[in-house]
Amino acid sequence: MVRWFDKVLGIQHLAPTLSWNVAWIRFVRFYLLDMLWAYALVFAVYVVINDKAIKLWKVLLGAGILSVLMETIQLSPFIHGTFDFYDILAEFVAELIAAFAINKLITGEETNEKK
């Protein structure tokens, strides 16, 4: 996926010479994919449960725990990966954004049902 982003951004031939100090390049390369994963996770859990009575904070809590677990598991010698606290922070922000989006959808549906 990172290679695809490099290609889309037109930096695949520049990647070896890029300055990784450029904030937007670091964000796209290192955090955006984690954020997309976490955002999709919250929506997927909410859709799979498919119960409007479930509290959104429970979905958010479950996704947050899974995100922390997935990142922490990278500390083990059996899983190849790099533990990064900022990944957890980026995932948490994306999960909050997803929760706000779901909440907006829910309140919008309730408003439309009352009409």
Foldseek 3Di string as FASTA:
>chain_A
DLCVVCVVVVCNVVVVPDDCVPVVNVCVNPAPVLLVVLLVQLVVVCVVVVDPPDDSVVSLVVSLVVQVVVLVVCVDPVDPDDRDPVNSVSSNVSSVVSSVVVVVVVVVVVVVVVD
